[in-house]
Amino acid sequence: MEARAKLSYVRLSPQKTRLVVDLVRGKKVQEAMNILKFSPQKAAAVVSKLVRSAVANAEQKGVADVDRLYVKTITVDQGPVLRRFLPRAQGRATKIRKPTSHILVVLDEKL
């Protein structure tokens, strides 16, 4: 039985978040949590919290054994980009892009 959790509009770049997500795809939940715990990236803390939420959703659904859960799929999609402008010399302006991400985690039981 699948359990999922989704986090939208995270103020993280999708490109940087995908680097972290690729580390845990297909791993058992406990192993994934250990990898994320010791990763220095900012995205690791966000993904870790999302995996914990998916585990809580699995417990709520009544999955037989939480210890047998693994990360079936985890995807990072691009969200809207916030555009800001910074004044520069001689009346010019520079565009600052603040990207957002949508992260989806699906856990399943290994038989």
PDB file of N, CA and C in Angstrom:
ATOM      1  N   MET A   1       0.841  -1.176   0.000  1.00  0.00           N
ATOM      2  CA  MET A   1       0.000   0.000   0.000  1.00  0.00           C
ATOM      3  C   MET A   1       0.888   1.241   0.000  1.00  0.00           C
ATOM      4  N   GLU A   2       0.603   2.146  -0.899  1.00  0.00           N
ATOM      5  CA  GLU A   2       1.416   3.343  -1.044  1.00  0.00           C
ATOM      6  C   GLU A   2       1.021   4.424  -0.039  1.00  0.00           C
ATOM      7  N   ALA A   3       2.011   5.188   0.342  1.00  0.00           N
ATOM      8  CA  ALA A   3       1.786   6.383   1.157  1.00  0.00           C
ATOM      9  C   ALA A   3       2.551   7.505   0.487  1.00  0.00           C
ATOM     10  N   ARG A   4       1.924   8.674   0.421  1.00  0.00           N
ATOM     11  CA  ARG A   4       2.583   9.781  -0.266  1.00  0.00           C
ATOM     12  C   ARG A   4       2.516  11.051   0.557  1.00  0.00           C
ATOM     13  N   ALA A   5       3.438  11.950   0.239  1.00  0.00           N
ATOM     14  CA  ALA A   5       3.461  13.272   0.846  1.00  0.00           C
ATOM     15  C   ALA A   5       3.960  14.248  -0.211  1.00  0.00           C
ATOM     16  N   LYS A   6       3.395  15.439  -0.218  1.00  0.00           N
ATOM     17  CA  LYS A   6       3.762  16.437  -1.211  1.00  0.00           C
ATOM     18  C   LYS A   6       4.031  17.766  -0.536  1.00  0.00           C
ATOM     19  N   LEU A   7       5.056  18.438  -1.010  1.00  0.00           N
ATOM     20  CA  LEU A   7       5.392  19.763  -0.507  1.00  0.00           C
ATOM     21  C   LEU A   7       5.513  20.688  -1.709  1.00  0.00           C
ATOM     22  N   SER A   8       4.729  21.761  -1.711  1.00  0.00           N
ATOM     23  CA  SER A   8       4.710  22.667  -2.852  1.00  0.00           C
ATOM     24  C   SER A   8       5.307  24.019  -2.483  1.00  0.00           C
ATOM     25  N   TYR A   9       5.806  24.681  -3.489  1.00  0.00           N
ATOM     26  CA  TYR A   9       6.326  26.054  -3.373  1.00  0.00           C
ATOM     27  C   TYR A   9       7.460  26.173  -2.360  1.00  0.00           C
ATOM     28  N   VAL A  10       8.366  25.214  -2.373  1.00  0.00           N
ATOM     29  CA  VAL A  10       9.542  25.272  -1.502  1.00  0.00           C
ATOM     30  C   VAL A  10      10.541  26.232  -2.137  1.00  0.00           C
ATOM     31  N   ARG A  11      11.100  27.120  -1.344  1.00  0.00           N
ATOM     32  CA  ARG A  11      12.032  28.101  -1.880  1.00  0.00           C
ATOM     33  C   ARG A  11      13.424  27.500  -2.062  1.00  0.00           C
ATOM     34  N   LEU A  12      13.489  26.464  -2.877  1.00  0.00           N
ATOM     35  CA  LEU A  12      14.742  25.811  -3.223  1.00  0.00           C
ATOM     36  C   LEU A  12      14.796  25.648  -4.734  1.00  0.00           C
ATOM     37  N   SER A  13      15.975  25.700  -5.273  1.00  0.00           N
ATOM     38  CA  SER A  13      16.142  25.483  -6.699  1.00  0.00           C
ATOM     39  C   SER A  13      15.890  24.008  -7.022  1.00  0.00           C
ATOM     40  N   PRO A  14      15.097  23.706  -8.056  1.00  0.00           N
ATOM     41  CA  PRO A  14      14.838  22.306  -8.405  1.00  0.00           C
ATOM     42  C   PRO A  14      16.118  21.550  -8.771  1.00  0.00           C
ATOM     43  N   GLN A  15      17.039  22.242  -9.420  1.00  0.00           N
ATOM     44  CA  GLN A  15      18.289  21.603  -9.831  1.00  0.00           C
ATOM     45  C   GLN A  15      19.098  21.139  -8.613  1.00  0.00           C
ATOM     46  N   LYS A  16      19.191  21.983  -7.600  1.00  0.00           N
ATOM     47  CA  LYS A  16      19.945  21.629  -6.397  1.00  0.00           C
ATOM     48  C   LYS A  16      19.201  20.581  -5.571  1.00  0.00           C
ATOM     49  N   THR A  17      17.876  20.655  -5.573  1.00  0.00           N
ATOM     50  CA  THR A  17      17.078  19.694  -4.816  1.00  0.00           C
ATOM     51  C   THR A  17      17.161  18.306  -5.431  1.00  0.00           C
ATOM     52  N   ARG A  18      17.217  18.230  -6.760  1.00  0.00           N
ATOM     53  CA  ARG A  18      17.306  16.931  -7.436  1.00  0.00           C
ATOM     54  C   ARG A  18      18.593  16.195  -7.081  1.00  0.00           C
ATOM     55  N   LEU A  19      19.661  16.935  -6.825  1.00  0.00           N
ATOM     56  CA  LEU A  19      20.924  16.299  -6.428  1.00  0.00           C
ATOM     57  C   LEU A  19      20.764  15.535  -5.115  1.00  0.00           C
ATOM     58  N   VAL A  20      20.007  16.108  -4.190  1.00  0.00           N
ATOM     59  CA  VAL A  20      19.772  15.464  -2.893  1.00  0.00           C
ATOM     60  C   VAL A  20      18.799  14.300  -3.043  1.00  0.00           C
ATOM     61  N   VAL A  21      17.753  14.512  -3.832  1.00  0.00           N
ATOM     62  CA  VAL A  21      16.705  13.506  -4.006  1.00  0.00           C
ATOM     63  C   VAL A  21      17.268  12.245  -4.669  1.00  0.00           C
ATOM     64  N   ASP A  22      18.216  12.421  -5.593  1.00  0.00           N
ATOM     65  CA  ASP A  22      18.798  11.269  -6.282  1.00  0.00           C
ATOM     66  C   ASP A  22      19.561  10.348  -5.331  1.00  0.00           C
ATOM     67  N   LEU A  23      20.002  10.878  -4.185  1.00  0.00           N
ATOM     68  CA  LEU A  23      20.733  10.060  -3.212  1.00  0.00           C
ATOM     69  C   LEU A  23      19.840   9.039  -2.528  1.00  0.00           C
ATOM     70  N   VAL A  24      18.544   9.338  -2.378  1.00  0.00           N
ATOM     71  CA  VAL A  24      17.668   8.481  -1.572  1.00  0.00           C
ATOM     72  C   VAL A  24      16.649   7.691  -2.388  1.00  0.00           C
ATOM     73  N   ARG A  25      16.565   7.926  -3.679  1.00  0.00           N
ATOM     74  CA  ARG A  25      15.576   7.224  -4.505  1.00  0.00           C
ATOM     75  C   ARG A  25      15.855   5.720  -4.504  1.00  0.00           C
ATOM     76  N   GLY A  26      14.827   4.923  -4.143  1.00  0.00           N
ATOM     77  CA  GLY A  26      14.954   3.467  -4.138  1.00  0.00           C
ATOM     78  C   GLY A  26      15.499   2.874  -2.851  1.00  0.00           C
ATOM     79  N   LYS A  27      15.901   3.705  -1.902  1.00  0.00           N
ATOM     80  CA  LYS A  27      16.482   3.212  -0.640  1.00  0.00           C
ATOM     81  C   LYS A  27      15.381   2.920   0.377  1.00  0.00           C
ATOM     82  N   LYS A  28      15.720   2.104   1.380  1.00  0.00           N
ATOM     83  CA  LYS A  28      14.799   1.890   2.492  1.00  0.00           C
ATOM     84  C   LYS A  28      14.696   3.196   3.284  1.00  0.00           C
ATOM     85  N   VAL A  29      13.589   3.372   3.978  1.00  0.00           N
ATOM     86  CA  VAL A  29      13.321   4.643   4.658  1.00  0.00           C
ATOM     87  C   VAL A  29      14.394   4.951   5.701  1.00  0.00           C
ATOM     88  N   GLN A  30      14.780   3.959   6.484  1.00  0.00           N
ATOM     89  CA  GLN A  30      15.780   4.199   7.535  1.00  0.00           C
ATOM     90  C   GLN A  30      17.121   4.610   6.931  1.00  0.00           C
ATOM     91  N   GLU A  31      17.503   3.957   5.848  1.00  0.00           N
ATOM     92  CA  GLU A  31      18.762   4.286   5.178  1.00  0.00           C
ATOM     93  C   GLU A  31      18.682   5.693   4.562  1.00  0.00           C
ATOM     94  N   ALA A  32      17.540   6.018   3.984  1.00  0.00           N
ATOM     95  CA  ALA A  32      17.348   7.347   3.387  1.00  0.00           C
ATOM     96  C   ALA A  32      17.440   8.436   4.447  1.00  0.00           C
ATOM     97  N   MET A  33      16.845   8.188   5.609  1.00  0.00           N
ATOM     98  CA  MET A  33      16.893   9.176   6.687  1.00  0.00           C
ATOM     99  C   MET A  33      18.327   9.395   7.171  1.00  0.00           C
ATOM    100  N   ASN A  34      19.112   8.329   7.245  1.00  0.00           N
ATOM    101  CA  ASN A  34      20.513   8.467   7.659  1.00  0.00           C
ATOM    102  C   ASN A  34      21.315   9.266   6.638  1.00  0.00           C
ATOM    103  N   ILE A  35      21.084   9.020   5.353  1.00  0.00           N
ATOM    104  CA  ILE A  35      21.791   9.764   4.308  1.00  0.00           C
ATOM    105  C   ILE A  35      21.442  11.246   4.392  1.00  0.00           C
ATOM    106  N   LEU A  36      20.151  11.537   4.545  1.00  0.00           N
ATOM    107  CA  LEU A  36      19.716  12.938   4.587  1.00  0.00           C
ATOM    108  C   LEU A  36      20.195  13.647   5.847  1.00  0.00           C
ATOM    109  N   LYS A  37      20.288  12.904   6.935  1.00  0.00           N
ATOM    110  CA  LYS A  37      20.716  13.500   8.204  1.00  0.00           C
ATOM    111  C   LYS A  37      22.138  14.058   8.120  1.00  0.00           C
ATOM    112  N   PHE A  38      23.001  13.381   7.362  1.00  0.00           N
ATOM    113  CA  PHE A  38      24.403  13.781   7.290  1.00  0.00           C
ATOM    114  C   PHE A  38      24.756  14.514   6.006  1.00  0.00           C
ATOM    115  N   SER A  39      23.756  14.894   5.217  1.00  0.00           N
ATOM    116  CA  SER A  39      24.012  15.685   4.017  1.00  0.00           C
ATOM    117  C   SER A  39      24.022  17.171   4.395  1.00  0.00           C
ATOM    118  N   PRO A  40      25.011  17.914   3.928  1.00  0.00           N
ATOM    119  CA  PRO A  40      25.118  19.317   4.327  1.00  0.00           C
ATOM    120  C   PRO A  40      24.177  20.264   3.579  1.00  0.00           C
ATOM    121  N   GLN A  41      23.523  19.810   2.523  1.00  0.00           N
ATOM    122  CA  GLN A  41      22.686  20.685   1.714  1.00  0.00           C
ATOM    123  C   GLN A  41      21.427  21.112   2.464  1.00  0.00           C
ATOM    124  N   LYS A  42      20.931  22.291   2.131  1.00  0.00           N
ATOM    125  CA  LYS A  42      19.710  22.809   2.736  1.00  0.00           C
ATOM    126  C   LYS A  42      18.511  21.947   2.351  1.00  0.00           C
ATOM    127  N   ALA A  43      18.530  21.426   1.145  1.00  0.00           N
ATOM    128  CA  ALA A  43      17.420  20.603   0.655  1.00  0.00           C
ATOM    129  C   ALA A  43      17.296  19.293   1.431  1.00  0.00           C
ATOM    130  N   ALA A  44      18.379  18.822   2.025  1.00  0.00           N
ATOM    131  CA  ALA A  44      18.352  17.554   2.757  1.00  0.00           C
ATOM    132  C   ALA A  44      17.408  17.625   3.948  1.00  0.00           C
ATOM    133  N   ALA A  45      17.395  18.747   4.651  1.00  0.00           N
ATOM    134  CA  ALA A  45      16.508  18.899   5.804  1.00  0.00           C
ATOM    135  C   ALA A  45      15.043  18.914   5.364  1.00  0.00           C
ATOM    136  N   VAL A  46      14.763  19.569   4.256  1.00  0.00           N
ATOM    137  CA  VAL A  46      13.393  19.655   3.753  1.00  0.00           C
ATOM    138  C   VAL A  46      12.902  18.289   3.288  1.00  0.00           C
ATOM    139  N   VAL A  47      13.736  17.570   2.550  1.00  0.00           N
ATOM    140  CA  VAL A  47      13.365  16.243   2.041  1.00  0.00           C
ATOM    141  C   VAL A  47      13.215  15.262   3.199  1.00  0.00           C
ATOM    142  N   SER A  48      14.074  15.366   4.204  1.00  0.00           N
ATOM    143  CA  SER A  48      13.983  14.503   5.369  1.00  0.00           C
ATOM    144  C   SER A  48      12.647  14.677   6.084  1.00  0.00           C
ATOM    145  N   LYS A  49      12.243  15.916   6.257  1.00  0.00           N
ATOM    146  CA  LYS A  49      10.973  16.204   6.907  1.00  0.00           C
ATOM    147  C   LYS A  49       9.804  15.666   6.081  1.00  0.00           C
ATOM    148  N   LEU A  50       9.921  15.736   4.774  1.00  0.00           N
ATOM    149  CA  LEU A  50       8.875  15.243   3.884  1.00  0.00           C
ATOM    150  C   LEU A  50       8.780  13.716   3.923  1.00  0.00           C
ATOM    151  N   VAL A  51       9.920  13.034   4.010  1.00  0.00           N
ATOM    152  CA  VAL A  51       9.922  11.569   4.114  1.00  0.00           C
ATOM    153  C   VAL A  51       9.289  11.141   5.442  1.00  0.00           C
ATOM    154  N   ARG A  52       9.611  11.879   6.524  1.00  0.00           N
ATOM    155  CA  ARG A  52       8.982  11.576   7.816  1.00  0.00           C
ATOM    156  C   ARG A  52       7.472  11.751   7.745  1.00  0.00           C
ATOM    157  N   SER A  53       7.023  12.776   7.010  1.00  0.00           N
ATOM    158  CA  SER A  53       5.594  12.996   6.841  1.00  0.00           C
ATOM    159  C   SER A  53       4.942  11.847   6.073  1.00  0.00           C
ATOM    160  N   ALA A  54       5.627  11.336   5.057  1.00  0.00           N
ATOM    161  CA  ALA A  54       5.101  10.210   4.287  1.00  0.00           C
ATOM    162  C   ALA A  54       5.020   8.951   5.151  1.00  0.00           C
ATOM    163  N   VAL A  55       5.992   8.763   6.047  1.00  0.00           N
ATOM    164  CA  VAL A  55       5.961   7.620   6.971  1.00  0.00           C
ATOM    165  C   VAL A  55       4.776   7.756   7.924  1.00  0.00           C
ATOM    166  N   ALA A  56       4.536   8.966   8.412  1.00  0.00           N
ATOM    167  CA  ALA A  56       3.393   9.199   9.295  1.00  0.00           C
ATOM    168  C   ALA A  56       2.084   8.939   8.552  1.00  0.00           C
ATOM    169  N   ASN A  57       2.030   9.313   7.283  1.00  0.00           N
ATOM    170  CA  ASN A  57       0.842   9.035   6.474  1.00  0.00           C
ATOM    171  C   ASN A  57       0.636   7.532   6.301  1.00  0.00           C
ATOM    172  N   ALA A  58       1.743   6.793   6.163  1.00  0.00           N
ATOM    173  CA  ALA A  58       1.655   5.338   6.033  1.00  0.00           C
ATOM    174  C   ALA A  58       1.129   4.712   7.322  1.00  0.00           C
ATOM    175  N   GLU A  59       1.599   5.213   8.450  1.00  0.00           N
ATOM    176  CA  GLU A  59       1.108   4.698   9.738  1.00  0.00           C
ATOM    177  C   GLU A  59      -0.382   4.996   9.896  1.00  0.00           C
ATOM    178  N   GLN A  60      -0.782   6.180   9.472  1.00  0.00           N
ATOM    179  CA  GLN A  60      -2.182   6.572   9.576  1.00  0.00           C
ATOM    180  C   GLN A  60      -3.077   5.698   8.697  1.00  0.00           C
ATOM    181  N   LYS A  61      -2.557   5.324   7.533  1.00  0.00           N
ATOM    182  CA  LYS A  61      -3.310   4.462   6.620  1.00  0.00           C
ATOM    183  C   LYS A  61      -3.408   3.033   7.140  1.00  0.00           C
ATOM    184  N   GLY A  62      -2.491   2.653   8.018  1.00  0.00           N
ATOM    185  CA  GLY A  62      -2.508   1.304   8.570  1.00  0.00           C
ATOM    186  C   GLY A  62      -1.672   0.325   7.776  1.00  0.00           C
ATOM    187  N   VAL A  63      -0.523   0.787   7.277  1.00  0.00           N
ATOM    188  CA  VAL A  63       0.397  -0.113   6.574  1.00  0.00           C
ATOM    189  C   VAL A  63       0.880  -1.163   7.558  1.00  0.00           C
ATOM    190  N   ALA A  64       1.012  -2.403   7.101  1.00  0.00           N
ATOM    191  CA  ALA A  64       1.336  -3.522   7.974  1.00  0.00           C
ATOM    192  C   ALA A  64       2.636  -3.299   8.759  1.00  0.00           C
ATOM    193  N   ASP A  65       3.721  -2.984   8.063  1.00  0.00           N
ATOM    194  CA  ASP A  65       5.009  -2.850   8.743  1.00  0.00           C
ATOM    195  C   ASP A  65       5.751  -1.631   8.202  1.00  0.00           C
ATOM    196  N   VAL A  66       5.956  -0.653   9.057  1.00  0.00           N
ATOM    197  CA  VAL A  66       6.623   0.583   8.655  1.00  0.00           C
ATOM    198  C   VAL A  66       8.101   0.334   8.372  1.00  0.00           C
ATOM    199  N   ASP A  67       8.688  -0.692   8.990  1.00  0.00           N
ATOM    200  CA  ASP A  67      10.110  -0.981   8.792  1.00  0.00           C
ATOM    201  C   ASP A  67      10.409  -1.485   7.382  1.00  0.00           C
ATOM    202  N   ARG A  68       9.390  -1.959   6.670  1.00  0.00           N
ATOM    203  CA  ARG A  68       9.611  -2.493   5.319  1.00  0.00           C
ATOM    204  C   ARG A  68       9.380  -1.443   4.235  1.00  0.00           C
ATOM    205  N   LEU A  69       9.118  -0.201   4.613  1.00  0.00           N
ATOM    206  CA  LEU A  69       8.876   0.857   3.634  1.00  0.00           C
ATOM    207  C   LEU A  69      10.164   1.255   2.922  1.00  0.00           C
ATOM    208  N   TYR A  70      10.025   1.596   1.646  1.00  0.00           N
ATOM    209  CA  TYR A  70      11.145   2.133   0.881  1.00  0.00           C
ATOM    210  C   TYR A  70      10.639   3.279   0.019  1.00  0.00           C
ATOM    211  N   VAL A  71      11.556   4.086  -0.461  1.00  0.00           N
ATOM    212  CA  VAL A  71      11.201   5.243  -1.277  1.00  0.00           C
ATOM    213  C   VAL A  71      10.967   4.744  -2.702  1.00  0.00           C
ATOM    214  N   LYS A  72       9.706   4.604  -3.069  1.00  0.00           N
ATOM    215  CA  LYS A  72       9.361   4.085  -4.396  1.00  0.00           C
ATOM    216  C   LYS A  72       9.670   5.126  -5.470  1.00  0.00           C
ATOM    217  N   THR A  73       9.087   6.298  -5.333  1.00  0.00           N
ATOM    218  CA  THR A  73       9.408   7.399  -6.250  1.00  0.00           C
ATOM    219  C   THR A  73       9.532   8.685  -5.453  1.00  0.00           C
ATOM    220  N   ILE A  74      10.404   9.537  -5.925  1.00  0.00           N
ATOM    221  CA  ILE A  74      10.541  10.867  -5.334  1.00  0.00           C
ATOM    222  C   ILE A  74      10.900  11.798  -6.488  1.00  0.00           C
ATOM    223  N   THR A  75      10.061  12.804  -6.695  1.00  0.00           N
ATOM    224  CA  THR A  75      10.261  13.692  -7.834  1.00  0.00           C
ATOM    225  C   THR A  75      10.312  15.138  -7.377  1.00  0.00           C
ATOM    226  N   VAL A  76      11.037  15.925  -8.152  1.00  0.00           N
ATOM    227  CA  VAL A  76      11.125  17.367  -7.910  1.00  0.00           C
ATOM    228  C   VAL A  76      10.729  18.063  -9.201  1.00  0.00           C
ATOM    229  N   ASP A  77       9.651  18.826  -9.143  1.00  0.00           N
ATOM    230  CA  ASP A  77       9.192  19.592 -10.301  1.00  0.00           C
ATOM    231  C   ASP A  77       9.428  21.078 -10.044  1.00  0.00           C
ATOM    232  N   GLN A  78       9.565  21.815 -11.134  1.00  0.00           N
ATOM    233  CA  GLN A  78       9.801  23.245 -11.011  1.00  0.00           C
ATOM    234  C   GLN A  78       8.498  23.981 -10.721  1.00  0.00           C
ATOM    235  N   GLY A  79       8.544  24.883  -9.761  1.00  0.00           N
ATOM    236  CA  GLY A  79       7.405  25.723  -9.446  1.00  0.00           C
ATOM    237  C   GLY A  79       7.585  27.090 -10.085  1.00  0.00           C
ATOM    238  N   PRO A  80       6.756  28.029  -9.716  1.00  0.00           N
ATOM    239  CA  PRO A  80       6.902  29.373 -10.276  1.00  0.00           C
ATOM    240  C   PRO A  80       8.181  30.053  -9.779  1.00  0.00           C
ATOM    241  N   VAL A  81       8.706  30.941 -10.614  1.00  0.00           N
ATOM    242  CA  VAL A  81       9.926  31.661 -10.268  1.00  0.00           C
ATOM    243  C   VAL A  81       9.549  33.076  -9.847  1.00  0.00           C
ATOM    244  N   LEU A  82       9.951  33.447  -8.641  1.00  0.00           N
ATOM    245  CA  LEU A  82       9.737  34.822  -8.170  1.00  0.00           C
ATOM    246  C   LEU A  82      10.820  35.700  -8.787  1.00  0.00           C
ATOM    247  N   ARG A  83      10.417  36.794  -9.398  1.00  0.00           N
ATOM    248  CA  ARG A  83      11.391  37.682 -10.031  1.00  0.00           C
ATOM    249  C   ARG A  83      11.474  38.986  -9.249  1.00  0.00           C
ATOM    250  N   ARG A  84      12.675  39.339  -8.872  1.00  0.00           N
ATOM    251  CA  ARG A  84      12.931  40.573  -8.149  1.00  0.00           C
ATOM    252  C   ARG A  84      13.962  41.380  -8.937  1.00  0.00           C
ATOM    253  N   PHE A  85      14.017  42.676  -8.692  1.00  0.00           N
ATOM    254  CA  PHE A  85      14.973  43.524  -9.384  1.00  0.00           C
ATOM    255  C   PHE A  85      15.842  44.248  -8.370  1.00  0.00           C
ATOM    256  N   LEU A  86      17.123  44.326  -8.687  1.00  0.00           N
ATOM    257  CA  LEU A  86      18.101  44.966  -7.831  1.00  0.00           C
ATOM    258  C   LEU A  86      18.671  46.176  -8.567  1.00  0.00           C
ATOM    259  N   PRO A  87      18.613  47.357  -7.976  1.00  0.00           N
ATOM    260  CA  PRO A  87      19.176  48.529  -8.658  1.00  0.00           C
ATOM    261  C   PRO A  87      20.697  48.409  -8.795  1.00  0.00           C
ATOM    262  N   ARG A  88      21.189  48.822  -9.953  1.00  0.00           N
ATOM    263  CA  ARG A  88      22.628  48.780 -10.215  1.00  0.00           C
ATOM    264  C   ARG A  88      23.119  50.162 -10.641  1.00  0.00           C
ATOM    265  N   ALA A  89      24.354  50.231 -11.017  1.00  0.00           N
ATOM    266  CA  ALA A  89      24.966  51.509 -11.369  1.00  0.00           C
ATOM    267  C   ALA A  89      24.358  52.100 -12.637  1.00  0.00           C
ATOM    268  N   GLN A  90      24.381  53.415 -12.724  1.00  0.00           N
ATOM    269  CA  GLN A  90      23.964  54.188 -13.896  1.00  0.00           C
ATOM    270  C   GLN A  90      22.507  53.930 -14.279  1.00  0.00           C
ATOM    271  N   GLY A  91      21.648  53.742 -13.288  1.00  0.00           N
ATOM    272  CA  GLY A  91      20.223  53.612 -13.541  1.00  0.00           C
ATOM    273  C   GLY A  91      19.768  52.268 -14.068  1.00  0.00           C
ATOM    274  N   ARG A  92      20.649  51.303 -14.094  1.00  0.00           N
ATOM    275  CA  ARG A  92      20.289  49.985 -14.599  1.00  0.00           C
ATOM    276  C   ARG A  92      19.682  49.147 -13.476  1.00  0.00           C
ATOM    277  N   ALA A  93      19.176  47.979 -13.853  1.00  0.00           N
ATOM    278  CA  ALA A  93      18.629  47.045 -12.865  1.00  0.00           C
ATOM    279  C   ALA A  93      19.041  45.630 -13.269  1.00  0.00           C
ATOM    280  N   THR A  94      19.209  44.774 -12.272  1.00  0.00           N
ATOM    281  CA  THR A  94      19.556  43.372 -12.507  1.00  0.00           C
ATOM    282  C   THR A  94      18.417  42.501 -12.019  1.00  0.00           C
ATOM    283  N   LYS A  95      18.078  41.501 -12.813  1.00  0.00           N
ATOM    284  CA  LYS A  95      17.014  40.577 -12.447  1.00  0.00           C
ATOM    285  C   LYS A  95      17.558  39.548 -11.458  1.00  0.00           C
ATOM    286  N   ILE A  96      16.817  39.285 -10.388  1.00  0.00           N
ATOM    287  CA  ILE A  96      17.155  38.222  -9.449  1.00  0.00           C
ATOM    288  C   ILE A  96      16.038  37.198  -9.514  1.00  0.00           C
ATOM    289  N   ARG A  97      16.386  35.951  -9.807  1.00  0.00           N
ATOM    290  CA  ARG A  97      15.407  34.864  -9.914  1.00  0.00           C
ATOM    291  C   ARG A  97      15.408  34.068  -8.619  1.00  0.00           C
ATOM    292  N   LYS A  98      14.234  33.853  -8.058  1.00  0.00           N
ATOM    293  CA  LYS A  98      14.103  33.059  -6.839  1.00  0.00           C
ATOM    294  C   LYS A  98      13.228  31.851  -7.171  1.00  0.00           C
ATOM    295  N   PRO A  99      13.858  30.735  -7.551  1.00  0.00           N
ATOM    296  CA  PRO A  99      13.091  29.574  -8.001  1.00  0.00           C
ATOM    297  C   PRO A  99      12.408  28.846  -6.846  1.00  0.00           C
ATOM    298  N   THR A 100      11.319  28.141  -7.168  1.00  0.00           N
ATOM    299  CA  THR A 100      10.616  27.310  -6.202  1.00  0.00           C
ATOM    300  C   THR A 100      10.491  25.900  -6.762  1.00  0.00           C
ATOM    301  N   SER A 101      10.200  24.954  -5.873  1.00  0.00           N
ATOM    302  CA  SER A 101      10.108  23.541  -6.252  1.00  0.00           C
ATOM    303  C   SER A 101       8.855  22.919  -5.668  1.00  0.00           C
ATOM    304  N   HIS A 102       8.397  21.853  -6.323  1.00  0.00           N
ATOM    305  CA  HIS A 102       7.341  20.997  -5.795  1.00  0.00           C
ATOM    306  C   HIS A 102       7.959  19.608  -5.639  1.00  0.00           C
ATOM    307  N   ILE A 103       7.909  19.044  -4.419  1.00  0.00           N
ATOM    308  CA  ILE A 103       8.519  17.739  -4.148  1.00  0.00           C
ATOM    309  C   ILE A 103       7.415  16.743  -3.808  1.00  0.00           C
ATOM    310  N   LEU A 104       7.467  15.558  -4.433  1.00  0.00           N
ATOM    311  CA  LEU A 104       6.495  14.495  -4.179  1.00  0.00           C
ATOM    312  C   LEU A 104       7.239  13.227  -3.784  1.00  0.00           C
ATOM    313  N   VAL A 105       6.857  12.635  -2.637  1.00  0.00           N
ATOM    314  CA  VAL A 105       7.461  11.397  -2.155  1.00  0.00           C
ATOM    315  C   VAL A 105       6.394  10.311  -2.107  1.00  0.00           C
ATOM    316  N   VAL A 106       6.705   9.149  -2.674  1.00  0.00           N
ATOM    317  CA  VAL A 106       5.800   7.999  -2.599  1.00  0.00           C
ATOM    318  C   VAL A 106       6.568   6.845  -1.962  1.00  0.00           C
ATOM    319  N   LEU A 107       6.034   6.330  -0.860  1.00  0.00           N
ATOM    320  CA  LEU A 107       6.640   5.187  -0.179  1.00  0.00           C
ATOM    321  C   LEU A 107       5.795   3.957  -0.448  1.00  0.00           C
ATOM    322  N   ASP A 108       6.439   2.802  -0.469  1.00  0.00           N
ATOM    323  CA  ASP A 108       5.724   1.541  -0.662  1.00  0.00           C
ATOM    324  C   ASP A 108       6.404   0.469   0.179  1.00  0.00           C
ATOM    325  N   GLU A 109       5.712  -0.651   0.367  1.00  0.00           N
ATOM    326  CA  GLU A 109       6.258  -1.763   1.146  1.00  0.00           C
ATOM    327  C   GLU A 109       7.025  -2.704   0.241  1.00  0.00           C
ATOM    328  N   LYS A 110       8.189  -3.126   0.713  1.00  0.00           N
ATOM    329  CA  LYS A 110       8.941  -4.170   0.021  1.00  0.00           C
ATOM    330  C   LYS A 110       8.434  -5.518   0.480  1.00  0.00           C
ATOM    331  N   LEU A 111       8.090  -6.348  -0.451  1.00  0.00           N
ATOM    332  CA  LEU A 111       7.563  -7.670  -0.086  1.00  0.00           C
ATOM    333  C   LEU A 111       8.656  -8.695   0.051  1.00  0.00           C
TER     334      LEU A 111
END
